[in-house]
Amino acid sequence: MLAVQASAAGGHSGTFAPERVPAPVPLTELLGRVRAAVSLPLVAAGGLAGPGDVAGALRAGAEAVMAGTALLRADEAGTSLPHRAALADPVRRRTVVTRAFTGRPARALANRFTDRHSGHAPSGYPALHHLTRPMRQAAAAADDPELIHLWAGTGHRDATAAPAARILARLASQV
């Protein structure tokens, strides 16, 4: 199998060149490009926020899909309280691809730290990850979402607080 991750995905980008930010290619287009080049089974990831996204990825050539951001507010998820609250906060609409927290490109909800440091953060994983860890841990303990990585894909507004089985059933409802 080959995992095909679109740039809409939350968290770290699956890239072999962390010094470059992946191009913003829609998942269905990316699946079509990869399907034209390989015959391996494809697993789609990134941008699967609703049932239509899942159905579209399967129509575009994926044999399976991986849910990520859609499960961050699931009852079973280990997402921190400030991260859960930020995902549900109607004021937080913007995601950014940043190296600010770890030195590797990752999509997150914008916060004060990403706004201040994304423009000049080096490509320095894992060193930058280790350097920012104490700050992130203290911020999480203080329920401060402005200094933690709020990993989230572009469809984060569709993440719901519910059992994972219910979230997955909703995502599969048009299959």
N, C-alpha and C. Protein backbone atom coordinates (compact mmCIF):
# COMPACT_ATOMS: atom_id res chain seq x y z
N MET A 1 0.83 -1.18 0.00
CA MET A 1 0.00 0.00 0.00
C MET A 1 0.87 1.24 0.00
N LEU A 2 0.25 2.31 -0.46
CA LEU A 2 0.93 3.59 -0.47
C LEU A 2 -0.01 4.61 0.15
N ALA A 3 0.45 5.28 1.20
CA ALA A 3 -0.34 6.34 1.83
C ALA A 3 -0.13 7.62 1.03
N VAL A 4 -1.24 8.26 0.67
CA VAL A 4 -1.20 9.49 -0.12
C VAL A 4 -1.78 10.60 0.75
N GLN A 5 -0.92 11.50 1.21
CA GLN A 5 -1.32 12.56 2.14
C GLN A 5 -1.38 13.90 1.43
N ALA A 6 -2.56 14.50 1.43
CA ALA A 6 -2.73 15.82 0.84
C ALA A 6 -2.28 16.89 1.82
N SER A 7 -2.03 18.06 1.30
CA SER A 7 -1.53 19.17 2.13
C SER A 7 -2.56 19.67 3.14
N ALA A 8 -3.82 19.30 2.99
CA ALA A 8 -4.87 19.71 3.94
C ALA A 8 -4.76 18.97 5.27
N ALA A 9 -3.92 17.94 5.33
CA ALA A 9 -3.79 17.13 6.54
C ALA A 9 -3.24 17.94 7.70
N GLY A 10 -3.71 17.59 8.90
CA GLY A 10 -3.18 18.21 10.11
C GLY A 10 -1.93 17.50 10.57
N GLY A 11 -1.17 18.16 11.40
CA GLY A 11 0.05 17.56 11.94
C GLY A 11 1.18 17.59 10.93
N HIS A 12 2.18 16.76 11.18
CA HIS A 12 3.37 16.75 10.34
C HIS A 12 3.08 16.24 8.93
N SER A 13 3.72 16.88 7.98
CA SER A 13 3.61 16.47 6.58
C SER A 13 4.50 15.26 6.36
N GLY A 14 3.97 14.29 5.65
CA GLY A 14 4.77 13.12 5.30
C GLY A 14 5.64 13.45 4.11
N THR A 15 6.77 14.07 4.35
CA THR A 15 7.64 14.52 3.28
C THR A 15 9.06 14.04 3.51
N PHE A 16 9.76 13.78 2.41
CA PHE A 16 11.17 13.41 2.51
C PHE A 16 12.06 14.66 2.44
N ALA A 17 11.45 15.82 2.20
CA ALA A 17 12.19 17.07 2.08
C ALA A 17 11.59 18.10 3.05
N PRO A 18 11.86 17.98 4.36
CA PRO A 18 11.23 18.87 5.34
C PRO A 18 11.61 20.34 5.19
N GLU A 19 12.61 20.63 4.40
CA GLU A 19 12.95 22.04 4.19
C GLU A 19 11.97 22.71 3.22
N ARG A 20 11.15 21.91 2.52
CA ARG A 20 10.15 22.46 1.59
C ARG A 20 8.75 22.17 2.12
N VAL A 21 7.88 23.15 2.02
CA VAL A 21 6.48 22.97 2.40
C VAL A 21 5.77 22.30 1.22
N PRO A 22 5.03 21.21 1.46
CA PRO A 22 4.33 20.53 0.37
C PRO A 22 3.36 21.46 -0.37
N ALA A 23 3.25 21.26 -1.66
CA ALA A 23 2.35 22.07 -2.49
C ALA A 23 0.89 21.81 -2.10
N PRO A 24 0.05 22.83 -2.19
CA PRO A 24 -1.37 22.68 -1.82
C PRO A 24 -2.19 22.01 -2.92
N VAL A 25 -2.04 20.71 -3.05
CA VAL A 25 -2.76 19.94 -4.07
C VAL A 25 -3.96 19.25 -3.41
N PRO A 26 -5.18 19.45 -3.93
CA PRO A 26 -6.35 18.78 -3.36
C PRO A 26 -6.18 17.25 -3.38
N LEU A 27 -6.75 16.60 -2.38
CA LEU A 27 -6.59 15.16 -2.23
C LEU A 27 -7.01 14.38 -3.48
N THR A 28 -8.17 14.69 -4.04
CA THR A 28 -8.63 13.92 -5.20
C THR A 28 -7.69 14.09 -6.39
N GLU A 29 -7.17 15.27 -6.59
CA GLU A 29 -6.21 15.50 -7.67
C GLU A 29 -4.92 14.72 -7.41
N LEU A 30 -4.45 14.76 -6.17
CA LEU A 30 -3.23 14.04 -5.80
C LEU A 30 -3.41 12.54 -6.00
N LEU A 31 -4.56 12.02 -5.58
CA LEU A 31 -4.84 10.59 -5.80
C LEU A 31 -4.81 10.24 -7.28
N GLY A 32 -5.40 11.10 -8.11
CA GLY A 32 -5.39 10.86 -9.55
C GLY A 32 -3.98 10.82 -10.12
N ARG A 33 -3.13 11.74 -9.67
CA ARG A 33 -1.73 11.77 -10.13
C ARG A 33 -0.99 10.50 -9.72
N VAL A 34 -1.17 10.12 -8.45
CA VAL A 34 -0.47 8.95 -7.95
C VAL A 34 -1.01 7.69 -8.62
N ARG A 35 -2.32 7.58 -8.78
CA ARG A 35 -2.93 6.42 -9.43
C ARG A 35 -2.40 6.25 -10.85
N ALA A 36 -2.16 7.35 -11.56
CA ALA A 36 -1.64 7.29 -12.92
C ALA A 36 -0.20 6.77 -12.96
N ALA A 37 0.51 6.88 -11.85
CA ALA A 37 1.92 6.50 -11.81
C ALA A 37 2.20 5.14 -11.18
N VAL A 38 1.29 4.63 -10.32
CA VAL A 38 1.54 3.37 -9.63
C VAL A 38 0.28 2.50 -9.62
N SER A 39 0.48 1.21 -9.45
CA SER A 39 -0.66 0.29 -9.37
C SER A 39 -0.90 -0.21 -7.94
N LEU A 40 -0.11 0.27 -7.00
CA LEU A 40 -0.27 -0.15 -5.60
C LEU A 40 -1.63 0.31 -5.05
N PRO A 41 -2.17 -0.39 -4.06
CA PRO A 41 -3.37 0.12 -3.39
C PRO A 41 -3.05 1.44 -2.69
N LEU A 42 -3.98 2.40 -2.79
CA LEU A 42 -3.77 3.72 -2.21
C LEU A 42 -4.65 3.92 -0.98
N VAL A 43 -4.06 4.53 0.05
CA VAL A 43 -4.78 4.92 1.25
C VAL A 43 -4.74 6.45 1.30
N ALA A 44 -5.91 7.07 1.28
CA ALA A 44 -6.00 8.53 1.23
C ALA A 44 -5.98 9.14 2.62
N ALA A 45 -5.32 10.28 2.75
CA ALA A 45 -5.27 11.02 4.02
C ALA A 45 -5.18 12.50 3.71
N GLY A 46 -5.75 13.29 4.62
CA GLY A 46 -5.64 14.74 4.49
C GLY A 46 -6.85 15.37 3.83
N GLY A 47 -7.64 16.04 4.61
CA GLY A 47 -8.80 16.72 4.06
C GLY A 47 -10.07 15.89 4.06
N LEU A 48 -10.11 14.85 4.88
CA LEU A 48 -11.29 13.98 4.95
C LEU A 48 -12.15 14.40 6.14
N ALA A 49 -12.82 15.53 6.00
CA ALA A 49 -13.58 16.10 7.10
C ALA A 49 -15.03 15.64 7.14
N GLY A 50 -15.56 15.19 6.02
CA GLY A 50 -16.97 14.81 5.97
C GLY A 50 -17.20 13.61 5.07
N PRO A 51 -18.42 13.09 5.06
CA PRO A 51 -18.75 11.93 4.25
C PRO A 51 -18.47 12.14 2.76
N GLY A 52 -18.73 13.32 2.24
CA GLY A 52 -18.47 13.59 0.83
C GLY A 52 -16.99 13.52 0.49
N ASP A 53 -16.14 13.93 1.42
CA ASP A 53 -14.69 13.86 1.21
C ASP A 53 -14.24 12.40 1.12
N VAL A 54 -14.78 11.56 1.99
CA VAL A 54 -14.42 10.14 1.98
C VAL A 54 -14.88 9.50 0.68
N ALA A 55 -16.13 9.73 0.30
CA ALA A 55 -16.66 9.16 -0.95
C ALA A 55 -15.86 9.65 -2.15
N GLY A 56 -15.49 10.93 -2.16
CA GLY A 56 -14.70 11.48 -3.26
C GLY A 56 -13.32 10.85 -3.35
N ALA A 57 -12.68 10.61 -2.21
CA ALA A 57 -11.36 9.97 -2.22
C ALA A 57 -11.45 8.55 -2.77
N LEU A 58 -12.49 7.83 -2.40
CA LEU A 58 -12.65 6.47 -2.91
C LEU A 58 -12.93 6.48 -4.41
N ARG A 59 -13.75 7.43 -4.87
CA ARG A 59 -14.01 7.55 -6.32
C ARG A 59 -12.74 7.94 -7.08
N ALA A 60 -11.85 8.68 -6.43
CA ALA A 60 -10.62 9.13 -7.08
C ALA A 60 -9.53 8.07 -7.11
N GLY A 61 -9.80 6.89 -6.57
CA GLY A 61 -8.84 5.80 -6.69
C GLY A 61 -8.28 5.23 -5.40
N ALA A 62 -8.67 5.75 -4.26
CA ALA A 62 -8.19 5.19 -3.00
C ALA A 62 -8.96 3.92 -2.67
N GLU A 63 -8.27 2.95 -2.10
CA GLU A 63 -8.93 1.74 -1.63
C GLU A 63 -9.40 1.89 -0.19
N ALA A 64 -8.78 2.83 0.52
CA ALA A 64 -9.12 3.08 1.93
C ALA A 64 -8.78 4.52 2.26
N VAL A 65 -9.25 4.97 3.41
CA VAL A 65 -8.94 6.32 3.88
C VAL A 65 -8.47 6.26 5.32
N MET A 66 -7.73 7.30 5.72
CA MET A 66 -7.29 7.44 7.11
C MET A 66 -7.87 8.73 7.66
N ALA A 67 -8.54 8.63 8.78
CA ALA A 67 -9.09 9.81 9.44
C ALA A 67 -8.09 10.30 10.48
N GLY A 68 -7.94 11.60 10.57
CA GLY A 68 -7.03 12.17 11.54
C GLY A 68 -7.71 13.25 12.36
N THR A 69 -7.74 14.45 11.83
CA THR A 69 -8.32 15.59 12.53
C THR A 69 -9.76 15.32 12.96
N ALA A 70 -10.51 14.59 12.15
CA ALA A 70 -11.91 14.28 12.47
C ALA A 70 -12.04 13.57 13.80
N LEU A 71 -10.98 12.90 14.25
CA LEU A 71 -11.03 12.13 15.49
C LEU A 71 -10.39 12.85 16.69
N LEU A 72 -9.87 14.04 16.50
CA LEU A 72 -9.17 14.72 17.60
C LEU A 72 -10.06 15.07 18.78
N ARG A 73 -11.36 15.21 18.55
CA ARG A 73 -12.28 15.51 19.66
C ARG A 73 -13.07 14.27 20.09
N ALA A 74 -12.74 13.11 19.54
CA ALA A 74 -13.44 11.87 19.92
C ALA A 74 -13.26 11.61 21.41
N ASP A 75 -14.28 10.97 21.99
CA ASP A 75 -14.23 10.65 23.42
C ASP A 75 -12.97 9.88 23.78
N GLU A 76 -12.51 9.02 22.88
CA GLU A 76 -11.36 8.16 23.16
C GLU A 76 -10.02 8.82 22.88
N ALA A 77 -10.01 9.98 22.25
CA ALA A 77 -8.76 10.64 21.87
C ALA A 77 -8.04 11.18 23.11
N GLY A 78 -6.74 11.19 23.05
CA GLY A 78 -5.94 11.73 24.15
C GLY A 78 -5.58 13.19 23.95
N THR A 79 -6.33 13.89 23.16
CA THR A 79 -6.08 15.30 22.88
C THR A 79 -6.19 16.13 24.16
N SER A 80 -5.25 17.04 24.35
CA SER A 80 -5.27 17.86 25.57
C SER A 80 -6.51 18.75 25.61
N LEU A 81 -6.89 19.16 26.82
CA LEU A 81 -8.06 20.02 26.98
C LEU A 81 -7.95 21.34 26.22
N PRO A 82 -6.79 22.03 26.27
CA PRO A 82 -6.73 23.28 25.50
C PRO A 82 -6.79 23.05 23.99
N HIS A 83 -6.28 21.93 23.53
CA HIS A 83 -6.34 21.60 22.10
C HIS A 83 -7.79 21.32 21.69
N ARG A 84 -8.50 20.53 22.49
CA ARG A 84 -9.92 20.25 22.22
C ARG A 84 -10.73 21.54 22.18
N ALA A 85 -10.48 22.41 23.16
CA ALA A 85 -11.22 23.68 23.21
C ALA A 85 -10.92 24.54 21.99
N ALA A 86 -9.67 24.58 21.56
CA ALA A 86 -9.30 25.37 20.39
C ALA A 86 -9.97 24.84 19.13
N LEU A 87 -10.07 23.52 19.00
CA LEU A 87 -10.73 22.93 17.83
C LEU A 87 -12.20 23.33 17.76
N ALA A 88 -12.83 23.51 18.91
CA ALA A 88 -14.25 23.86 18.97
C ALA A 88 -14.48 25.36 18.99
N ASP A 89 -13.43 26.15 19.14
CA ASP A 89 -13.57 27.60 19.27
C ASP A 89 -13.93 28.21 17.91
N PRO A 90 -15.10 28.84 17.79
CA PRO A 90 -15.52 29.39 16.50
C PRO A 90 -14.63 30.53 16.01
N VAL A 91 -13.85 31.12 16.89
CA VAL A 91 -12.95 32.21 16.50
C VAL A 91 -11.74 31.66 15.74
N ARG A 92 -11.34 30.43 16.03
CA ARG A 92 -10.15 29.84 15.39
C ARG A 92 -10.57 29.18 14.07
N ARG A 93 -10.36 29.89 13.01
CA ARG A 93 -10.76 29.40 11.69
C ARG A 93 -9.56 29.07 10.80
N ARG A 94 -8.42 29.66 11.08
CA ARG A 94 -7.28 29.60 10.18
C ARG A 94 -6.28 28.53 10.61
N THR A 95 -5.84 27.74 9.62
CA THR A 95 -4.73 26.82 9.86
C THR A 95 -3.52 27.33 9.09
N VAL A 96 -2.35 26.95 9.56
CA VAL A 96 -1.10 27.33 8.91
C VAL A 96 -0.19 26.12 8.86
N VAL A 97 0.69 26.09 7.88
CA VAL A 97 1.76 25.10 7.87
C VAL A 97 2.96 25.79 8.47
N THR A 98 3.49 25.20 9.53
CA THR A 98 4.55 25.85 10.31
C THR A 98 5.65 24.86 10.69
N ARG A 99 6.84 25.39 10.87
CA ARG A 99 7.96 24.64 11.45
C ARG A 99 8.22 25.12 12.87
N ALA A 100 7.44 26.09 13.34
CA ALA A 100 7.74 26.80 14.59
C ALA A 100 7.88 25.90 15.81
N PHE A 101 7.13 24.83 15.90
CA PHE A 101 7.18 24.00 17.11
C PHE A 101 8.20 22.87 17.04
N THR A 102 8.41 22.31 15.84
CA THR A 102 9.23 21.10 15.76
C THR A 102 10.37 21.18 14.75
N GLY A 103 10.35 22.18 13.88
CA GLY A 103 11.37 22.24 12.84
C GLY A 103 11.02 21.43 11.61
N ARG A 104 9.83 20.88 11.58
CA ARG A 104 9.34 20.08 10.45
C ARG A 104 7.98 20.65 10.05
N PRO A 105 7.66 20.71 8.75
CA PRO A 105 6.37 21.28 8.36
C PRO A 105 5.19 20.50 8.94
N ALA A 106 4.27 21.25 9.56
CA ALA A 106 3.08 20.64 10.16
C ALA A 106 1.94 21.65 10.09
N ARG A 107 0.73 21.15 9.84
CA ARG A 107 -0.45 22.04 9.80
C ARG A 107 -1.08 22.09 11.18
N ALA A 108 -1.36 23.33 11.61
CA ALA A 108 -1.93 23.57 12.94
C ALA A 108 -2.89 24.75 12.88
N LEU A 109 -3.73 24.84 13.89
CA LEU A 109 -4.53 26.05 14.06
C LEU A 109 -3.55 27.18 14.37
N ALA A 110 -3.79 28.32 13.78
CA ALA A 110 -2.94 29.47 14.06
C ALA A 110 -3.12 29.91 15.51
N ASN A 111 -2.03 30.27 16.13
CA ASN A 111 -2.06 30.85 17.48
C ASN A 111 -0.94 31.88 17.57
N ARG A 112 -0.77 32.45 18.72
CA ARG A 112 0.22 33.50 18.88
C ARG A 112 1.62 33.01 18.52
N PHE A 113 1.96 31.77 18.90
CA PHE A 113 3.30 31.25 18.62
C PHE A 113 3.53 31.05 17.12
N THR A 114 2.55 30.48 16.43
CA THR A 114 2.73 30.28 14.98
C THR A 114 2.77 31.62 14.26
N ASP A 115 1.92 32.56 14.68
CA ASP A 115 1.92 33.88 14.04
C ASP A 115 3.26 34.58 14.20
N ARG A 116 3.87 34.40 15.36
CA ARG A 116 5.12 35.10 15.65
C ARG A 116 6.35 34.41 15.06
N HIS A 117 6.35 33.07 14.97
CA HIS A 117 7.59 32.36 14.64
C HIS A 117 7.59 31.56 13.34
N SER A 118 6.45 31.40 12.69
CA SER A 118 6.43 30.58 11.47
C SER A 118 7.32 31.13 10.37
N GLY A 119 7.36 32.43 10.23
CA GLY A 119 8.11 33.03 9.13
C GLY A 119 9.61 32.82 9.17
N HIS A 120 10.16 32.54 10.34
CA HIS A 120 11.61 32.39 10.44
C HIS A 120 12.05 31.10 11.13
N ALA A 121 11.13 30.18 11.37
CA ALA A 121 11.50 28.92 12.03
C ALA A 121 12.37 28.08 11.11
N PRO A 122 13.45 27.53 11.63
CA PRO A 122 14.34 26.73 10.81
C PRO A 122 13.80 25.31 10.58
N SER A 123 14.36 24.65 9.59
CA SER A 123 14.09 23.24 9.36
C SER A 123 15.08 22.49 10.25
N GLY A 124 14.66 22.17 11.47
CA GLY A 124 15.60 21.61 12.44
C GLY A 124 15.00 20.54 13.32
N TYR A 125 14.26 19.60 12.72
CA TYR A 125 13.69 18.51 13.50
C TYR A 125 14.79 17.49 13.76
N PRO A 126 14.91 16.90 14.92
CA PRO A 126 14.07 17.01 16.09
C PRO A 126 14.56 18.04 17.12
N ALA A 127 15.66 18.73 16.82
CA ALA A 127 16.22 19.66 17.82
C ALA A 127 15.20 20.71 18.25
N LEU A 128 14.51 21.32 17.31
CA LEU A 128 13.54 22.35 17.66
C LEU A 128 12.39 21.77 18.47
N HIS A 129 11.99 20.55 18.16
CA HIS A 129 10.95 19.85 18.93
C HIS A 129 11.36 19.76 20.40
N HIS A 130 12.61 19.37 20.65
CA HIS A 130 13.10 19.23 22.02
C HIS A 130 13.25 20.59 22.71
N LEU A 131 13.65 21.60 21.96
CA LEU A 131 13.79 22.94 22.54
C LEU A 131 12.46 23.56 22.95
N THR A 132 11.41 23.28 22.21
CA THR A 132 10.10 23.88 22.53
C THR A 132 9.27 23.03 23.48
N ARG A 133 9.69 21.80 23.75
CA ARG A 133 8.91 20.90 24.60
C ARG A 133 8.58 21.48 25.97
N PRO A 134 9.55 22.01 26.73
CA PRO A 134 9.20 22.55 28.05
C PRO A 134 8.15 23.66 27.98
N MET A 135 8.25 24.53 26.98
CA MET A 135 7.26 25.60 26.82
C MET A 135 5.88 25.00 26.53
N ARG A 136 5.82 24.02 25.62
CA ARG A 136 4.55 23.40 25.26
C ARG A 136 3.93 22.67 26.45
N GLN A 137 4.75 21.98 27.23
CA GLN A 137 4.24 21.26 28.40
C GLN A 137 3.68 22.23 29.44
N ALA A 138 4.40 23.31 29.69
CA ALA A 138 3.93 24.30 30.66
C ALA A 138 2.64 24.96 30.17
N ALA A 139 2.57 25.26 28.90
CA ALA A 139 1.37 25.89 28.35
C ALA A 139 0.17 24.95 28.42
N ALA A 140 0.38 23.68 28.12
CA ALA A 140 -0.73 22.71 28.21
C ALA A 140 -1.21 22.59 29.64
N ALA A 141 -0.28 22.55 30.59
CA ALA A 141 -0.65 22.45 32.01
C ALA A 141 -1.41 23.69 32.46
N ALA A 142 -1.14 24.84 31.85
CA ALA A 142 -1.81 26.09 32.21
C ALA A 142 -3.04 26.35 31.34
N ASP A 143 -3.42 25.38 30.51
CA ASP A 143 -4.56 25.53 29.58
C ASP A 143 -4.40 26.73 28.66
N ASP A 144 -3.18 26.98 28.22
CA ASP A 144 -2.88 28.12 27.34
C ASP A 144 -2.69 27.62 25.91
N PRO A 145 -3.68 27.80 25.03
CA PRO A 145 -3.57 27.31 23.66
C PRO A 145 -2.65 28.14 22.77
N GLU A 146 -2.16 29.25 23.26
CA GLU A 146 -1.34 30.13 22.42
C GLU A 146 0.11 29.67 22.30
N LEU A 147 0.53 28.72 23.13
CA LEU A 147 1.93 28.28 23.12
C LEU A 147 2.07 26.78 22.94
N ILE A 148 1.02 26.11 22.45
CA ILE A 148 1.11 24.68 22.17
C ILE A 148 0.80 24.44 20.70
N HIS A 149 1.26 23.31 20.18
CA HIS A 149 0.93 22.98 18.80
C HIS A 149 -0.49 22.43 18.76
N LEU A 150 -1.31 23.11 18.01
CA LEU A 150 -2.72 22.75 17.87
C LEU A 150 -2.91 22.07 16.52
N TRP A 151 -2.28 20.89 16.37
CA TRP A 151 -2.33 20.19 15.09
C TRP A 151 -3.78 20.05 14.63
N ALA A 152 -4.02 20.39 13.39
CA ALA A 152 -5.37 20.32 12.83
C ALA A 152 -5.31 20.46 11.32
N GLY A 153 -6.11 19.66 10.65
CA GLY A 153 -6.25 19.79 9.21
C GLY A 153 -7.21 20.92 8.86
N THR A 154 -7.32 21.19 7.57
CA THR A 154 -8.17 22.30 7.13
C THR A 154 -9.64 22.07 7.43
N GLY A 155 -10.05 20.83 7.64
CA GLY A 155 -11.45 20.53 7.95
C GLY A 155 -11.74 20.45 9.44
N HIS A 156 -10.93 21.08 10.25
CA HIS A 156 -11.05 20.98 11.71
C HIS A 156 -12.41 21.41 12.24
N ARG A 157 -13.12 22.27 11.53
CA ARG A 157 -14.43 22.73 12.00
C ARG A 157 -15.44 21.59 12.05
N ASP A 158 -15.19 20.51 11.32
CA ASP A 158 -16.10 19.36 11.31
C ASP A 158 -15.77 18.33 12.39
N ALA A 159 -14.69 18.53 13.14
CA ALA A 159 -14.35 17.60 14.23
C ALA A 159 -15.39 17.75 15.34
N THR A 160 -15.94 16.64 15.78
CA THR A 160 -17.00 16.68 16.79
C THR A 160 -16.60 15.89 18.03
N ALA A 161 -17.19 16.26 19.15
CA ALA A 161 -17.01 15.53 20.40
C ALA A 161 -18.07 14.43 20.42
N ALA A 162 -17.63 13.19 20.21
CA ALA A 162 -18.53 12.04 20.15
C ALA A 162 -17.67 10.78 20.23
N PRO A 163 -18.30 9.63 20.42
CA PRO A 163 -17.53 8.39 20.37
C PRO A 163 -16.92 8.20 18.97
N ALA A 164 -15.73 7.64 18.92
CA ALA A 164 -15.04 7.43 17.64
C ALA A 164 -15.89 6.61 16.68
N ALA A 165 -16.59 5.61 17.17
CA ALA A 165 -17.41 4.78 16.29
C ALA A 165 -18.48 5.63 15.58
N ARG A 166 -19.06 6.57 16.29
CA ARG A 166 -20.08 7.43 15.68
C ARG A 166 -19.46 8.36 14.63
N ILE A 167 -18.29 8.90 14.93
CA ILE A 167 -17.59 9.79 13.98
C ILE A 167 -17.24 9.01 12.72
N LEU A 168 -16.71 7.81 12.87
CA LEU A 168 -16.34 7.02 11.72
C LEU A 168 -17.56 6.58 10.91
N ALA A 169 -18.65 6.25 11.59
CA ALA A 169 -19.88 5.89 10.87
C ALA A 169 -20.38 7.06 10.05
N ARG A 170 -20.29 8.28 10.60
CA ARG A 170 -20.70 9.47 9.85
C ARG A 170 -19.82 9.65 8.62
N LEU A 171 -18.50 9.50 8.78
CA LEU A 171 -17.58 9.67 7.66
C LEU A 171 -17.85 8.63 6.56
N ALA A 172 -18.27 7.44 6.94
CA ALA A 172 -18.51 6.36 5.97
C ALA A 172 -19.95 6.34 5.44
N SER A 173 -20.76 7.30 5.83
CA SER A 173 -22.19 7.23 5.52
C SER A 173 -22.54 7.36 4.04
N GLN A 174 -21.64 7.83 3.20
CA GLN A 174 -21.92 7.93 1.77
C GLN A 174 -21.17 6.90 0.95
N VAL A 175 -20.56 5.96 1.61
CA VAL A 175 -19.78 4.91 0.91
C VAL A 175 -20.70 3.76 0.52
